[in-house]
Amino acid sequence: MAGKFVIKQGKNGKFLFNLLSSNGQTVLTSQMYSGRDGAVKGVESVRKNAADAGRFERREAKDGKPYFVLKAGNGLEIGRSEIYSTKASMEKGIASVSKNAPDAPIADAAKK
């Protein structure tokens, strides 16, 4: 199975998406969007920006563990990774987003 985007609607009525890797693990989670169309546009932005290594910003959580964010050309955050135990595993997460995002289909779990 290749990676895929899953759009979900939260209990608050807002939408978000996750990018799942080929093994089904979440590698990137979006912000909340007020409408489903916003989430779809966010997916398109991930697809466009994931191939550009310069769009990934490596960060450290308060406990020193690594994570990354993917930013659009305008500098705004599109998605955020989980917290990783090592920098090497974070780099694998970035590689997974770069590989899976450009062609990943949308599996829409949200109500239309």
N, C-alpha and C. Protein backbone atom coordinates (compact mmCIF):
# COMPACT_ATOMS: atom_id res chain seq x y z
N MET A 1 0.84 -1.19 0.00
CA MET A 1 0.00 0.00 0.00
C MET A 1 0.88 1.24 0.00
N ALA A 2 0.57 2.17 -0.86
CA ALA A 2 1.28 3.45 -0.88
C ALA A 2 0.72 4.35 0.21
N GLY A 3 1.36 5.47 0.44
CA GLY A 3 0.86 6.41 1.43
C GLY A 3 -0.45 7.02 0.98
N LYS A 4 -1.16 7.64 1.93
CA LYS A 4 -2.42 8.30 1.59
C LYS A 4 -2.71 9.40 2.59
N PHE A 5 -3.51 10.36 2.15
CA PHE A 5 -4.02 11.40 3.01
C PHE A 5 -5.40 10.97 3.50
N VAL A 6 -5.67 11.20 4.77
CA VAL A 6 -6.99 10.91 5.33
C VAL A 6 -7.52 12.22 5.92
N ILE A 7 -8.65 12.68 5.37
CA ILE A 7 -9.30 13.89 5.88
C ILE A 7 -10.35 13.45 6.90
N LYS A 8 -10.34 14.11 8.05
CA LYS A 8 -11.28 13.79 9.12
C LYS A 8 -11.97 15.06 9.60
N GLN A 9 -13.16 14.87 10.13
CA GLN A 9 -13.88 15.97 10.76
C GLN A 9 -13.90 15.71 12.26
N GLY A 10 -13.45 16.71 13.02
CA GLY A 10 -13.41 16.59 14.46
C GLY A 10 -14.77 16.83 15.09
N LYS A 11 -14.85 16.55 16.38
CA LYS A 11 -16.10 16.77 17.12
C LYS A 11 -16.51 18.22 17.12
N ASN A 12 -15.52 19.11 16.94
CA ASN A 12 -15.80 20.55 16.91
C ASN A 12 -16.30 21.01 15.54
N GLY A 13 -16.42 20.06 14.59
CA GLY A 13 -16.91 20.40 13.26
C GLY A 13 -15.83 20.83 12.30
N LYS A 14 -14.60 21.02 12.78
CA LYS A 14 -13.49 21.44 11.92
C LYS A 14 -12.83 20.20 11.30
N PHE A 15 -12.03 20.46 10.27
CA PHE A 15 -11.41 19.39 9.50
C PHE A 15 -9.89 19.41 9.64
N LEU A 16 -9.30 18.24 9.51
CA LEU A 16 -7.85 18.12 9.48
C LEU A 16 -7.51 16.94 8.58
N PHE A 17 -6.23 16.83 8.23
CA PHE A 17 -5.80 15.65 7.49
C PHE A 17 -4.54 15.09 8.10
N ASN A 18 -4.37 13.80 7.90
CA ASN A 18 -3.15 13.10 8.26
C ASN A 18 -2.58 12.51 6.98
N LEU A 19 -1.25 12.51 6.88
CA LEU A 19 -0.57 11.77 5.83
C LEU A 19 -0.08 10.48 6.46
N LEU A 20 -0.53 9.36 5.92
CA LEU A 20 -0.12 8.06 6.41
C LEU A 20 0.96 7.50 5.49
N SER A 21 1.96 6.87 6.08
CA SER A 21 3.00 6.22 5.29
C SER A 21 2.48 4.90 4.74
N SER A 22 3.29 4.21 3.98
CA SER A 22 2.86 2.95 3.38
C SER A 22 2.53 1.88 4.42
N ASN A 23 3.08 2.02 5.64
CA ASN A 23 2.76 1.04 6.70
C ASN A 23 1.59 1.50 7.58
N GLY A 24 0.94 2.60 7.19
CA GLY A 24 -0.24 3.06 7.90
C GLY A 24 0.02 3.99 9.07
N GLN A 25 1.26 4.33 9.33
CA GLN A 25 1.57 5.23 10.44
C GLN A 25 1.42 6.68 10.00
N THR A 26 0.93 7.51 10.91
CA THR A 26 0.79 8.94 10.64
C THR A 26 2.16 9.59 10.68
N VAL A 27 2.53 10.26 9.59
CA VAL A 27 3.82 10.95 9.53
C VAL A 27 3.68 12.47 9.51
N LEU A 28 2.46 12.95 9.23
CA LEU A 28 2.23 14.40 9.20
C LEU A 28 0.77 14.67 9.52
N THR A 29 0.54 15.67 10.36
CA THR A 29 -0.82 16.06 10.74
C THR A 29 -0.97 17.55 10.48
N SER A 30 -2.09 17.92 9.91
CA SER A 30 -2.34 19.33 9.58
C SER A 30 -2.90 20.09 10.77
N GLN A 31 -3.03 21.37 10.56
CA GLN A 31 -3.78 22.24 11.46
C GLN A 31 -5.27 21.95 11.26
N MET A 32 -6.11 22.56 12.04
CA MET A 32 -7.57 22.44 11.86
C MET A 32 -8.02 23.49 10.84
N TYR A 33 -8.94 23.08 9.99
CA TYR A 33 -9.52 23.96 8.99
C TYR A 33 -11.01 24.11 9.27
N SER A 34 -11.57 25.27 8.96
CA SER A 34 -12.99 25.49 9.23
C SER A 34 -13.88 24.71 8.28
N GLY A 35 -13.37 24.39 7.09
CA GLY A 35 -14.17 23.65 6.12
C GLY A 35 -13.36 22.55 5.45
N ARG A 36 -14.05 21.60 4.86
CA ARG A 36 -13.40 20.49 4.17
C ARG A 36 -12.54 21.00 3.01
N ASP A 37 -13.01 22.03 2.29
CA ASP A 37 -12.25 22.57 1.17
C ASP A 37 -10.88 23.08 1.61
N GLY A 38 -10.82 23.66 2.80
CA GLY A 38 -9.54 24.13 3.34
C GLY A 38 -8.58 22.97 3.55
N ALA A 39 -9.09 21.86 4.04
CA ALA A 39 -8.25 20.68 4.26
C ALA A 39 -7.74 20.13 2.93
N VAL A 40 -8.60 20.12 1.92
CA VAL A 40 -8.18 19.65 0.59
C VAL A 40 -7.09 20.57 0.03
N LYS A 41 -7.23 21.87 0.21
CA LYS A 41 -6.19 22.81 -0.23
C LYS A 41 -4.89 22.58 0.53
N GLY A 42 -5.01 22.23 1.82
CA GLY A 42 -3.82 21.90 2.61
C GLY A 42 -3.11 20.66 2.07
N VAL A 43 -3.88 19.66 1.68
CA VAL A 43 -3.30 18.45 1.07
C VAL A 43 -2.54 18.83 -0.20
N GLU A 44 -3.14 19.67 -1.03
CA GLU A 44 -2.48 20.09 -2.27
C GLU A 44 -1.19 20.84 -1.97
N SER A 45 -1.18 21.63 -0.91
CA SER A 45 0.03 22.35 -0.52
C SER A 45 1.11 21.38 -0.07
N VAL A 46 0.73 20.35 0.67
CA VAL A 46 1.72 19.33 1.09
C VAL A 46 2.28 18.65 -0.15
N ARG A 47 1.41 18.24 -1.06
CA ARG A 47 1.87 17.58 -2.29
C ARG A 47 2.90 18.44 -3.02
N LYS A 48 2.62 19.74 -3.10
CA LYS A 48 3.49 20.67 -3.82
C LYS A 48 4.82 20.90 -3.10
N ASN A 49 4.78 21.03 -1.79
CA ASN A 49 5.97 21.43 -1.04
C ASN A 49 6.83 20.29 -0.51
N ALA A 50 6.29 19.07 -0.47
CA ALA A 50 7.02 17.95 0.13
C ALA A 50 8.28 17.57 -0.63
N ALA A 51 8.34 17.88 -1.91
CA ALA A 51 9.52 17.53 -2.71
C ALA A 51 10.68 18.50 -2.48
N ASP A 52 10.44 19.60 -1.81
CA ASP A 52 11.46 20.63 -1.58
C ASP A 52 12.05 20.45 -0.17
N ALA A 53 13.26 19.94 -0.11
CA ALA A 53 13.90 19.68 1.19
C ALA A 53 13.99 20.94 2.05
N GLY A 54 14.05 22.10 1.43
CA GLY A 54 14.13 23.36 2.16
C GLY A 54 12.85 23.75 2.89
N ARG A 55 11.77 23.07 2.61
CA ARG A 55 10.48 23.37 3.25
C ARG A 55 10.32 22.66 4.60
N PHE A 56 11.23 21.73 4.91
CA PHE A 56 11.16 21.02 6.18
C PHE A 56 11.99 21.74 7.23
N GLU A 57 11.37 22.03 8.35
CA GLU A 57 12.06 22.68 9.46
C GLU A 57 12.18 21.68 10.61
N ARG A 58 13.40 21.40 11.00
CA ARG A 58 13.66 20.47 12.10
C ARG A 58 13.63 21.23 13.41
N ARG A 59 12.90 20.68 14.37
CA ARG A 59 12.74 21.35 15.67
C ARG A 59 12.95 20.36 16.81
N GLU A 60 13.01 20.91 18.00
CA GLU A 60 13.08 20.09 19.21
C GLU A 60 11.94 20.45 20.14
N ALA A 61 11.30 19.43 20.69
CA ALA A 61 10.25 19.62 21.69
C ALA A 61 10.89 20.08 23.00
N LYS A 62 10.07 20.45 23.95
CA LYS A 62 10.58 20.92 25.25
C LYS A 62 11.48 19.90 25.92
N ASP A 63 11.20 18.62 25.68
CA ASP A 63 12.02 17.56 26.30
C ASP A 63 13.26 17.22 25.47
N GLY A 64 13.50 17.98 24.39
CA GLY A 64 14.69 17.78 23.57
C GLY A 64 14.52 16.78 22.44
N LYS A 65 13.36 16.15 22.35
CA LYS A 65 13.15 15.16 21.30
C LYS A 65 12.80 15.86 19.98
N PRO A 66 13.24 15.27 18.87
CA PRO A 66 13.05 15.93 17.57
C PRO A 66 11.68 15.72 16.94
N TYR A 67 11.30 16.70 16.15
CA TYR A 67 10.12 16.62 15.28
C TYR A 67 10.34 17.59 14.14
N PHE A 68 9.47 17.56 13.15
CA PHE A 68 9.62 18.50 12.04
C PHE A 68 8.28 19.10 11.66
N VAL A 69 8.36 20.23 10.98
CA VAL A 69 7.19 20.86 10.38
C VAL A 69 7.48 21.05 8.90
N LEU A 70 6.42 21.01 8.11
CA LEU A 70 6.51 21.30 6.68
C LEU A 70 5.88 22.67 6.47
N LYS A 71 6.61 23.54 5.78
CA LYS A 71 6.13 24.89 5.56
C LYS A 71 5.88 25.14 4.08
N ALA A 72 4.93 25.99 3.81
CA ALA A 72 4.62 26.42 2.45
C ALA A 72 5.61 27.50 2.03
N GLY A 73 5.54 27.87 0.78
CA GLY A 73 6.42 28.91 0.26
C GLY A 73 6.28 30.24 0.97
N ASN A 74 5.10 30.50 1.55
CA ASN A 74 4.88 31.75 2.28
C ASN A 74 5.34 31.67 3.73
N GLY A 75 5.93 30.52 4.11
CA GLY A 75 6.47 30.37 5.46
C GLY A 75 5.49 29.84 6.49
N LEU A 76 4.22 29.67 6.10
CA LEU A 76 3.23 29.16 7.05
C LEU A 76 3.32 27.65 7.17
N GLU A 77 3.07 27.17 8.36
CA GLU A 77 3.12 25.74 8.63
C GLU A 77 1.94 25.03 7.97
N ILE A 78 2.23 23.95 7.25
CA ILE A 78 1.19 23.15 6.62
C ILE A 78 0.88 21.93 7.48
N GLY A 79 1.93 21.31 8.01
CA GLY A 79 1.75 20.10 8.80
C GLY A 79 2.90 19.91 9.76
N ARG A 80 2.66 19.03 10.73
CA ARG A 80 3.62 18.79 11.80
C ARG A 80 3.71 17.29 12.04
N SER A 81 4.91 16.83 12.34
CA SER A 81 5.12 15.41 12.59
C SER A 81 4.84 15.05 14.04
N GLU A 82 4.93 13.78 14.32
CA GLU A 82 4.91 13.32 15.69
C GLU A 82 6.25 13.66 16.33
N ILE A 83 6.38 13.42 17.60
CA ILE A 83 7.66 13.57 18.30
C ILE A 83 8.41 12.25 18.14
N TYR A 84 9.65 12.33 17.71
CA TYR A 84 10.47 11.14 17.49
C TYR A 84 11.45 10.93 18.65
N SER A 85 11.91 9.70 18.78
CA SER A 85 12.86 9.38 19.84
C SER A 85 14.28 9.73 19.44
N THR A 86 14.57 9.73 18.13
CA THR A 86 15.92 10.05 17.66
C THR A 86 15.85 10.94 16.42
N LYS A 87 16.95 11.62 16.15
CA LYS A 87 17.03 12.44 14.94
C LYS A 87 16.98 11.56 13.70
N ALA A 88 17.57 10.38 13.78
CA ALA A 88 17.56 9.46 12.63
C ALA A 88 16.14 9.05 12.27
N SER A 89 15.31 8.78 13.27
CA SER A 89 13.92 8.41 12.98
C SER A 89 13.14 9.60 12.44
N MET A 90 13.46 10.80 12.89
CA MET A 90 12.83 12.00 12.34
C MET A 90 13.20 12.15 10.87
N GLU A 91 14.45 11.93 10.53
CA GLU A 91 14.88 12.04 9.13
C GLU A 91 14.16 11.01 8.26
N LYS A 92 13.90 9.83 8.80
CA LYS A 92 13.13 8.82 8.06
C LYS A 92 11.70 9.31 7.84
N GLY A 93 11.14 10.02 8.83
CA GLY A 93 9.81 10.60 8.68
C GLY A 93 9.77 11.64 7.58
N ILE A 94 10.79 12.49 7.52
CA ILE A 94 10.88 13.49 6.46
C ILE A 94 10.98 12.80 5.10
N ALA A 95 11.80 11.76 5.01
CA ALA A 95 11.94 11.01 3.76
C ALA A 95 10.61 10.37 3.35
N SER A 96 9.85 9.90 4.33
CA SER A 96 8.55 9.30 4.04
C SER A 96 7.57 10.33 3.48
N VAL A 97 7.55 11.52 4.06
CA VAL A 97 6.67 12.58 3.55
C VAL A 97 7.09 12.95 2.13
N SER A 98 8.39 13.12 1.91
CA SER A 98 8.88 13.49 0.58
C SER A 98 8.51 12.44 -0.46
N LYS A 99 8.58 11.17 -0.07
CA LYS A 99 8.30 10.07 -0.99
C LYS A 99 6.80 9.88 -1.21
N ASN A 100 6.02 9.89 -0.14
CA ASN A 100 4.61 9.52 -0.21
C ASN A 100 3.67 10.65 -0.61
N ALA A 101 3.96 11.88 -0.20
CA ALA A 101 2.99 12.96 -0.37
C ALA A 101 2.66 13.33 -1.81
N PRO A 102 3.64 13.46 -2.71
CA PRO A 102 3.31 13.99 -4.04
C PRO A 102 2.24 13.21 -4.79
N ASP A 103 2.18 11.91 -4.63
CA ASP A 103 1.21 11.11 -5.39
C ASP A 103 0.16 10.43 -4.50
N ALA A 104 0.15 10.76 -3.23
CA ALA A 104 -0.77 10.08 -2.30
C ALA A 104 -2.22 10.48 -2.58
N PRO A 105 -3.09 9.49 -2.67
CA PRO A 105 -4.52 9.79 -2.85
C PRO A 105 -5.15 10.27 -1.55
N ILE A 106 -6.34 10.83 -1.66
CA ILE A 106 -7.10 11.26 -0.49
C ILE A 106 -8.15 10.21 -0.17
N ALA A 107 -8.10 9.72 1.06
CA ALA A 107 -9.14 8.83 1.58
C ALA A 107 -9.95 9.70 2.53
N ASP A 108 -11.12 10.09 2.11
CA ASP A 108 -11.91 11.06 2.85
C ASP A 108 -12.79 10.39 3.89
N ALA A 109 -12.41 10.51 5.15
CA ALA A 109 -13.21 9.95 6.24
C ALA A 109 -14.20 10.98 6.78
N ALA A 110 -14.16 12.19 6.22
CA ALA A 110 -15.03 13.27 6.70
C ALA A 110 -16.36 13.24 5.98
N LYS A 111 -17.36 13.77 6.67
CA LYS A 111 -18.68 13.92 6.06
C LYS A 111 -18.60 15.01 5.00
N LYS A 112 -19.30 14.82 3.94
CA LYS A 112 -19.29 15.84 2.87
C LYS A 112 -20.51 16.73 2.99
